[in-house]
C-alpha cells in the first residue's frame, strides 16, 4: 500500500506518518542485527553524540540513543566496528524520543560503500544457515 502523501515515502521504503511517534515501517531492503559505535554529528550545529548502531541495511541503520536528532536532520555518520569505519552523509528519517532514530545513507563514496557491503556480507553469512549444515 502506498502512502496517501508520496512525500512521506523515504529512500529506504520506510513510510513515516505526520508525527514521529506514529511511524509505519515498510522496508525495501533487509536489515540485519548489528552492533557498532556510532558517532553522529548534526550538520550546521556540529552537535555530536555517541551512540550504538543496532541494525544495518544497504540503505540505512538504526541508532539507539535517548536523545535522537529530529526527523529530517542532516547528519554526518561514522560507524566504528572492529578495525573498520564507515563514514557518510545521512538523514534522520524517524526519531523516537528516549529510543533512537532511523537513518538513511545519502551518498556513500565507492570506498565507503565497499566497507558497508563487506559488513553486510559478514552479517548475511553469519545469520544464514547453509543447506546441509546440520547433516552429520
N, C-alpha and C. Protein backbone atom coordinates (compact mmCIF):
# COMPACT_ATOMS: atom_id res chain seq x y z
N UNK A 1 0.84 -1.17 0.00
CA UNK A 1 0.00 0.00 0.00
C UNK A 1 0.89 1.24 0.00
N UNK A 2 0.61 2.17 -0.87
CA UNK A 2 1.40 3.40 -0.96
C UNK A 2 0.85 4.41 0.04
N UNK A 3 1.72 5.30 0.55
CA UNK A 3 1.23 6.33 1.46
C UNK A 3 0.31 7.29 0.73
N UNK A 4 -0.63 7.91 1.47
CA UNK A 4 -1.52 8.90 0.88
C UNK A 4 -0.73 10.07 0.33
N UNK A 5 0.34 10.40 1.01
CA UNK A 5 1.18 11.52 0.61
C UNK A 5 2.53 10.95 0.18
N UNK A 6 2.83 10.91 -1.13
CA UNK A 6 4.08 10.31 -1.60
C UNK A 6 5.31 10.96 -0.98
N UNK A 7 5.22 12.19 -0.52
CA UNK A 7 6.39 12.82 0.09
C UNK A 7 6.76 12.15 1.41
N UNK A 8 5.86 11.33 1.96
CA UNK A 8 6.16 10.62 3.19
C UNK A 8 6.99 9.37 2.92
N UNK A 9 7.08 8.93 1.67
CA UNK A 9 7.87 7.74 1.34
C UNK A 9 9.34 8.14 1.33
N UNK A 10 10.16 7.38 2.02
CA UNK A 10 11.58 7.69 2.10
C UNK A 10 12.37 6.77 1.19
N UNK A 11 13.64 7.08 1.05
CA UNK A 11 14.52 6.29 0.20
C UNK A 11 14.66 4.86 0.69
N UNK A 12 14.47 4.60 1.97
CA UNK A 12 14.62 3.24 2.48
C UNK A 12 13.34 2.45 2.39
N UNK A 13 12.26 3.07 1.92
CA UNK A 13 11.00 2.37 1.89
C UNK A 13 10.26 2.49 3.19
N UNK A 14 10.78 3.26 4.13
CA UNK A 14 10.10 3.47 5.40
C UNK A 14 9.13 4.61 5.20
N UNK A 15 7.90 4.38 5.52
CA UNK A 15 6.87 5.40 5.42
C UNK A 15 6.63 5.94 6.81
N UNK A 16 6.74 7.25 6.96
CA UNK A 16 6.51 7.80 8.28
C UNK A 16 5.29 8.69 8.28
N UNK A 17 4.52 8.61 9.34
CA UNK A 17 3.32 9.41 9.48
C UNK A 17 3.67 10.86 9.79
N UNK A 18 2.65 11.68 9.95
CA UNK A 18 2.86 13.09 10.21
C UNK A 18 3.59 13.31 11.52
N UNK A 19 3.38 12.43 12.48
CA UNK A 19 4.06 12.54 13.77
C UNK A 19 5.07 11.39 13.89
N UNK A 20 6.23 11.70 14.43
CA UNK A 20 7.28 10.70 14.54
C UNK A 20 6.86 9.50 15.36
N UNK A 21 6.07 9.71 16.41
CA UNK A 21 5.72 8.61 17.30
C UNK A 21 4.78 7.61 16.66
N UNK A 22 4.18 7.94 15.52
CA UNK A 22 3.24 7.03 14.89
C UNK A 22 3.73 6.50 13.56
N UNK A 23 5.03 6.39 13.38
CA UNK A 23 5.55 5.98 12.08
C UNK A 23 5.20 4.53 11.77
N UNK A 24 5.03 4.26 10.49
CA UNK A 24 4.79 2.92 9.99
C UNK A 24 5.99 2.53 9.16
N UNK A 25 6.45 1.29 9.30
CA UNK A 25 7.63 0.88 8.56
C UNK A 25 7.29 -0.12 7.48
N UNK A 26 7.86 0.10 6.30
CA UNK A 26 7.77 -0.82 5.18
C UNK A 26 9.10 -0.75 4.48
N UNK A 27 9.94 -1.73 4.69
CA UNK A 27 11.30 -1.68 4.19
C UNK A 27 11.43 -2.33 2.82
N UNK A 28 12.30 -1.72 2.00
CA UNK A 28 12.55 -2.28 0.67
C UNK A 28 13.79 -3.17 0.66
N UNK A 29 14.59 -3.13 1.72
CA UNK A 29 15.78 -3.98 1.83
C UNK A 29 15.82 -4.58 3.23
N UNK A 30 16.48 -5.72 3.34
CA UNK A 30 16.58 -6.40 4.63
C UNK A 30 17.51 -5.65 5.58
N UNK A 31 17.15 -5.67 6.86
CA UNK A 31 18.03 -5.16 7.91
C UNK A 31 18.55 -6.34 8.69
N UNK A 32 19.75 -6.18 9.23
CA UNK A 32 20.39 -7.24 9.99
C UNK A 32 20.79 -6.74 11.36
N UNK A 33 20.70 -7.60 12.37
CA UNK A 33 21.20 -7.22 13.70
C UNK A 33 22.68 -6.85 13.57
N UNK A 34 23.07 -5.79 14.24
CA UNK A 34 24.41 -5.24 14.04
C UNK A 34 24.75 -4.42 15.27
N UNK A 35 25.99 -4.48 15.70
CA UNK A 35 26.42 -3.66 16.82
C UNK A 35 27.68 -2.90 16.42
N UNK A 36 27.61 -1.59 16.54
CA UNK A 36 28.77 -0.75 16.25
C UNK A 36 28.63 0.54 17.05
N UNK A 37 29.74 1.19 17.28
CA UNK A 37 29.72 2.51 17.90
C UNK A 37 29.39 3.52 16.80
N UNK A 38 28.52 4.45 17.10
CA UNK A 38 28.13 5.46 16.12
C UNK A 38 28.50 6.85 16.62
N UNK A 39 29.19 7.59 15.78
CA UNK A 39 29.45 9.00 16.04
C UNK A 39 28.55 9.76 15.07
N UNK A 40 27.62 10.53 15.61
CA UNK A 40 26.63 11.23 14.81
C UNK A 40 26.78 12.73 15.05
N UNK A 41 27.05 13.48 13.96
CA UNK A 41 27.23 14.92 14.07
C UNK A 41 26.18 15.61 13.22
N UNK A 42 25.39 16.47 13.84
CA UNK A 42 24.35 17.20 13.12
C UNK A 42 25.00 18.28 12.26
N UNK A 43 24.66 18.29 10.96
CA UNK A 43 25.20 19.30 10.06
C UNK A 43 24.69 20.68 10.47
N UNK A 44 25.53 21.66 10.35
CA UNK A 44 25.14 23.02 10.70
C UNK A 44 25.45 23.36 12.14
N UNK A 45 24.87 22.63 13.08
CA UNK A 45 25.10 22.94 14.50
C UNK A 45 26.39 22.30 15.02
N UNK A 46 26.83 21.24 14.34
CA UNK A 46 28.02 20.48 14.75
C UNK A 46 27.85 19.82 16.12
N UNK A 47 26.59 19.67 16.57
CA UNK A 47 26.32 18.93 17.81
C UNK A 47 26.64 17.46 17.53
N UNK A 48 27.43 16.86 18.43
CA UNK A 48 27.87 15.49 18.23
C UNK A 48 27.36 14.61 19.36
N UNK A 49 26.97 13.39 19.01
CA UNK A 49 26.63 12.42 20.04
C UNK A 49 27.24 11.08 19.68
N UNK A 50 27.50 10.32 20.74
CA UNK A 50 27.99 8.95 20.59
C UNK A 50 26.86 8.03 20.98
N UNK A 51 26.63 7.01 20.19
CA UNK A 51 25.52 6.10 20.44
C UNK A 51 25.89 4.71 19.92
N UNK A 52 24.87 3.86 19.82
CA UNK A 52 25.08 2.50 19.35
C UNK A 52 24.20 2.24 18.14
N UNK A 53 24.79 1.70 17.08
CA UNK A 53 24.00 1.24 15.94
C UNK A 53 23.55 -0.18 16.25
N UNK A 54 22.26 -0.47 16.01
CA UNK A 54 21.75 -1.80 16.35
C UNK A 54 21.20 -2.58 15.17
N UNK A 55 21.01 -1.95 14.04
CA UNK A 55 20.56 -2.63 12.83
C UNK A 55 21.25 -1.97 11.65
N UNK A 56 21.46 -2.76 10.58
CA UNK A 56 22.15 -2.24 9.41
C UNK A 56 21.53 -2.80 8.14
N UNK A 57 21.43 -1.96 7.12
CA UNK A 57 20.99 -2.39 5.79
C UNK A 57 21.83 -1.66 4.76
N UNK A 58 21.60 -1.97 3.48
CA UNK A 58 22.31 -1.27 2.41
C UNK A 58 21.96 0.21 2.35
N UNK A 59 20.78 0.56 2.85
CA UNK A 59 20.31 1.94 2.71
C UNK A 59 20.31 2.75 3.99
N UNK A 60 20.51 2.10 5.14
CA UNK A 60 20.45 2.87 6.38
C UNK A 60 20.71 2.02 7.60
N UNK A 61 20.45 2.62 8.75
CA UNK A 61 20.68 1.91 10.02
C UNK A 61 19.77 2.50 11.09
N UNK A 62 19.77 1.82 12.22
CA UNK A 62 19.06 2.32 13.39
C UNK A 62 20.12 2.70 14.42
N UNK A 63 19.92 3.86 15.04
CA UNK A 63 20.82 4.34 16.08
C UNK A 63 20.03 4.40 17.38
N UNK A 64 20.52 3.69 18.41
CA UNK A 64 19.89 3.70 19.72
C UNK A 64 20.48 4.82 20.55
N UNK A 65 19.63 5.76 20.95
CA UNK A 65 20.04 6.87 21.79
C UNK A 65 18.82 7.46 22.47
N UNK A 66 18.99 7.91 23.69
CA UNK A 66 17.89 8.52 24.42
C UNK A 66 17.57 9.93 23.94
N UNK A 67 18.52 10.54 23.22
CA UNK A 67 18.32 11.92 22.75
C UNK A 67 18.59 12.02 21.25
N UNK A 68 17.68 11.48 20.44
CA UNK A 68 17.89 11.49 18.99
C UNK A 68 17.71 12.88 18.40
N UNK A 69 18.32 13.10 17.25
CA UNK A 69 18.08 14.32 16.49
C UNK A 69 16.68 14.26 15.90
N UNK A 70 16.15 15.40 15.50
CA UNK A 70 14.80 15.46 14.93
C UNK A 70 14.76 14.83 13.54
N UNK A 71 13.61 14.27 13.19
CA UNK A 71 13.41 13.75 11.84
C UNK A 71 13.67 14.86 10.84
N UNK A 72 14.39 14.52 9.77
CA UNK A 72 14.74 15.50 8.74
C UNK A 72 16.12 16.09 8.90
N UNK A 73 16.73 15.90 10.07
CA UNK A 73 18.06 16.47 10.31
C UNK A 73 19.09 15.81 9.39
N UNK A 74 19.97 16.63 8.82
CA UNK A 74 21.09 16.14 8.03
C UNK A 74 22.24 15.90 8.99
N UNK A 75 22.93 14.78 8.81
CA UNK A 75 24.00 14.42 9.73
C UNK A 75 25.21 13.88 8.98
N UNK A 76 26.33 13.86 9.68
CA UNK A 76 27.50 13.10 9.24
C UNK A 76 27.55 11.91 10.18
N UNK A 77 27.61 10.71 9.61
CA UNK A 77 27.59 9.49 10.39
C UNK A 77 28.90 8.74 10.23
N UNK A 78 29.42 8.26 11.33
CA UNK A 78 30.58 7.38 11.31
C UNK A 78 30.25 6.18 12.19
N UNK A 79 30.30 4.99 11.60
CA UNK A 79 30.09 3.75 12.33
C UNK A 79 31.46 3.09 12.52
N UNK A 80 31.76 2.72 13.75
CA UNK A 80 33.04 2.11 14.08
C UNK A 80 32.81 0.69 14.55
N UNK A 81 33.47 -0.26 13.88
CA UNK A 81 33.29 -1.68 14.21
C UNK A 81 34.61 -2.40 14.00
N UNK A 82 35.13 -2.99 15.06
CA UNK A 82 36.43 -3.65 14.96
C UNK A 82 37.48 -2.64 14.54
N UNK A 83 38.22 -2.97 13.49
CA UNK A 83 39.22 -2.04 12.97
C UNK A 83 38.70 -1.22 11.80
N UNK A 84 37.41 -1.36 11.48
CA UNK A 84 36.85 -0.67 10.33
C UNK A 84 35.97 0.50 10.70
N UNK A 85 35.77 1.37 9.71
CA UNK A 85 34.89 2.52 9.89
C UNK A 85 34.14 2.78 8.60
N UNK A 86 32.87 3.15 8.74
CA UNK A 86 32.03 3.54 7.61
C UNK A 86 31.60 4.97 7.85
N UNK A 87 31.84 5.85 6.88
CA UNK A 87 31.52 7.27 7.02
C UNK A 87 30.67 7.72 5.83
N UNK A 88 29.62 8.49 6.12
CA UNK A 88 28.78 9.01 5.06
C UNK A 88 27.92 10.17 5.55
N UNK A 89 27.42 10.95 4.63
CA UNK A 89 26.38 11.92 4.93
C UNK A 89 25.08 11.14 5.00
N UNK A 90 24.17 11.57 5.87
CA UNK A 90 22.93 10.81 6.07
C UNK A 90 21.83 11.76 6.52
N UNK A 91 20.64 11.20 6.69
CA UNK A 91 19.48 11.97 7.11
C UNK A 91 18.67 11.15 8.10
N UNK A 92 18.15 11.81 9.13
CA UNK A 92 17.28 11.15 10.10
C UNK A 92 15.90 11.03 9.47
N UNK A 93 15.39 9.80 9.35
CA UNK A 93 14.08 9.62 8.73
C UNK A 93 12.96 9.43 9.75
N UNK A 94 13.32 8.97 10.95
CA UNK A 94 12.36 8.99 12.05
C UNK A 94 13.12 9.13 13.35
N UNK A 95 12.45 9.71 14.32
CA UNK A 95 13.06 10.00 15.61
C UNK A 95 12.06 9.66 16.71
N UNK A 96 12.49 8.81 17.65
CA UNK A 96 11.62 8.42 18.76
C UNK A 96 12.32 8.79 20.06
N UNK A 97 11.84 9.82 20.72
CA UNK A 97 12.45 10.31 21.95
C UNK A 97 12.61 9.18 22.96
N UNK A 98 13.79 9.08 23.52
CA UNK A 98 14.08 8.05 24.52
C UNK A 98 14.40 6.69 23.93
N UNK A 99 14.30 6.54 22.61
CA UNK A 99 14.53 5.24 21.97
C UNK A 99 15.65 5.30 20.93
N UNK A 100 15.50 6.17 19.95
CA UNK A 100 16.52 6.24 18.91
C UNK A 100 16.00 6.87 17.64
N UNK A 101 16.73 6.61 16.55
CA UNK A 101 16.38 7.23 15.27
C UNK A 101 16.76 6.31 14.12
N UNK A 102 15.99 6.43 13.05
CA UNK A 102 16.27 5.72 11.82
C UNK A 102 17.04 6.63 10.90
N UNK A 103 18.06 6.08 10.26
CA UNK A 103 18.97 6.86 9.43
C UNK A 103 18.97 6.31 8.01
N UNK A 104 18.93 7.18 7.01
CA UNK A 104 19.11 6.77 5.62
C UNK A 104 20.44 7.36 5.16
N UNK A 105 21.26 6.49 4.52
CA UNK A 105 22.53 6.94 3.98
C UNK A 105 22.26 7.72 2.70
N UNK A 106 22.92 8.87 2.53
CA UNK A 106 22.66 9.70 1.36
C UNK A 106 23.63 9.42 0.20
N UNK A 107 24.90 9.59 0.41
CA UNK A 107 25.85 9.47 -0.69
C UNK A 107 27.17 8.85 -0.25
N UNK A 108 27.17 7.56 0.12
CA UNK A 108 28.45 6.96 0.48
C UNK A 108 29.37 6.93 -0.74
N UNK A 109 30.64 7.22 -0.53
CA UNK A 109 31.62 7.13 -1.62
C UNK A 109 31.81 5.66 -1.97
N UNK A 110 32.36 5.35 -3.13
CA UNK A 110 32.55 3.94 -3.51
C UNK A 110 33.37 3.15 -2.48
N UNK A 111 34.40 3.74 -1.90
CA UNK A 111 35.19 3.01 -0.91
C UNK A 111 34.39 2.77 0.36
N UNK A 112 33.56 3.71 0.75
CA UNK A 112 32.71 3.52 1.94
C UNK A 112 31.60 2.53 1.65
N UNK A 113 31.07 2.54 0.45
CA UNK A 113 30.05 1.56 0.06
C UNK A 113 30.64 0.15 0.14
N UNK A 114 31.91 0.01 -0.23
CA UNK A 114 32.58 -1.30 -0.15
C UNK A 114 32.69 -1.77 1.30
N UNK A 115 32.98 -0.85 2.23
CA UNK A 115 33.03 -1.20 3.65
C UNK A 115 31.66 -1.70 4.10
N UNK A 116 30.63 -0.95 3.76
CA UNK A 116 29.26 -1.32 4.12
C UNK A 116 28.89 -2.69 3.56
N UNK A 117 29.16 -2.92 2.29
CA UNK A 117 28.82 -4.19 1.67
C UNK A 117 29.60 -5.35 2.30
N UNK A 118 30.85 -5.10 2.69
CA UNK A 118 31.64 -6.13 3.37
C UNK A 118 31.02 -6.51 4.71
N UNK A 119 30.60 -5.51 5.48
CA UNK A 119 29.94 -5.78 6.76
C UNK A 119 28.66 -6.57 6.55
N UNK A 120 27.87 -6.16 5.57
CA UNK A 120 26.61 -6.84 5.31
C UNK A 120 26.84 -8.29 4.87
N UNK A 121 27.87 -8.52 4.08
CA UNK A 121 28.18 -9.89 3.67
C UNK A 121 28.51 -10.74 4.89
N UNK A 122 29.28 -10.18 5.82
CA UNK A 122 29.57 -10.90 7.07
C UNK A 122 28.29 -11.22 7.83
N UNK A 123 27.39 -10.23 7.92
CA UNK A 123 26.14 -10.42 8.66
C UNK A 123 25.24 -11.45 8.00
N UNK A 124 25.15 -11.41 6.68
CA UNK A 124 24.30 -12.35 5.96
C UNK A 124 24.82 -13.77 6.14
N UNK A 125 26.12 -13.96 5.99
CA UNK A 125 26.67 -15.31 6.10
C UNK A 125 26.65 -15.83 7.53
N UNK A 126 26.69 -14.94 8.51
CA UNK A 126 26.65 -15.40 9.89
C UNK A 126 25.23 -15.68 10.37
N UNK A 127 24.22 -15.14 9.69
CA UNK A 127 22.84 -15.35 10.11
C UNK A 127 22.08 -16.32 9.22
N UNK A 128 22.70 -16.76 8.13
CA UNK A 128 22.04 -17.67 7.20
C UNK A 128 22.62 -19.06 7.37
N UNK A 129 21.75 -20.02 7.62
CA UNK A 129 22.19 -21.40 7.74
C UNK A 129 22.38 -21.98 6.34
N UNK A 130 23.52 -22.57 6.11
CA UNK A 130 23.79 -23.14 4.80
C UNK A 130 23.05 -24.47 4.65
N UNK A 131 22.55 -24.77 3.44
CA UNK A 131 21.85 -26.05 3.24
C UNK A 131 22.78 -27.21 3.59
N UNK A 132 22.24 -28.19 4.31
CA UNK A 132 23.02 -29.36 4.67
C UNK A 132 23.97 -29.16 5.83
N UNK A 133 23.96 -27.95 6.45
CA UNK A 133 24.92 -27.69 7.52
C UNK A 133 24.61 -28.49 8.78
N UNK A 134 23.38 -29.03 8.89
CA UNK A 134 23.04 -29.81 10.08
C UNK A 134 23.19 -31.32 9.84
N UNK A 135 23.76 -31.66 8.69
CA UNK A 135 23.99 -33.08 8.39
C UNK A 135 25.17 -33.61 9.16
N UNK A 136 25.09 -34.88 9.59
CA UNK A 136 26.21 -35.49 10.34
C UNK A 136 26.95 -36.48 9.50
